[in-house]
Structure formats: C-alpha cells, structure tokens
Amino acid sequence: MGNEQRTEKPAPRRRSTERPSPAERLRKAQEQFEELTGIEVECVSGMEKSGEGWTLNLETLELRRIPDTVSLLATYALEVDEDGSLVSYRRTDRYTRGRANGS
C-alpha cells in the first residue's frame, strides 16, 4: 500500500478552442469578406479590440490595371465578433497603388 502511486489528473485548463486566436479570427473574417464581396484582400493593415469584438482594416485590390501602379485599391473596415464572424464592413478609402500616403 505504501508503493501505490497517486494518479491525479491536473485541473482542466481552458481549452484553446473556446475562443479563437487573433490570427484565426482574422482568417475567418477575411474569408467571409472575400466570399461576400468577391474582392481580393492584399493585406491586413490594422486589428484593434473594440467593445465586444474586433475592428480589422483590410487593404484590397478592387480593379487590376496595367501597369500595376495604377491598379485601384481600397481600405475596408470590418467589425468582427469574438468568434471571428463578420458583423459589418465598409469601405473607408480608395486609391491607386502608385499613390503616396497622404496624396
């Protein structure tokens, strides 16, 4: 009896699947945005916690032109809930690829 080993399981930790990581939220929102709009996302330019969810800023390719420096790009602000589901989106800027910031 003195040689018995106690095999207690550690207290269960919060599973990582309960809440998606920021990267998972971002991927999910990007996929939903592209599926809804048909607009190709080039990059993410911002991600910020806001209230009960997140605000994401995406840079998108709206119209491909030749030369590429005159392609039409846009910035979209997306509102995403805690699970990464898209709640709303709106275009906040539209510009040509060759435009310098502030022009």
Foldseek 3Di string as FASTA:
>chain_A
DVPDDDDDDPDDDDDCVVFDDPVVLVVLLQVVVCVVPVWAFDDWDDWAQDDQWIKTKTKTFDAQDPPQQFGKIWIKIFTAGRRNHTDDMDTDDIDGNNDDPPD
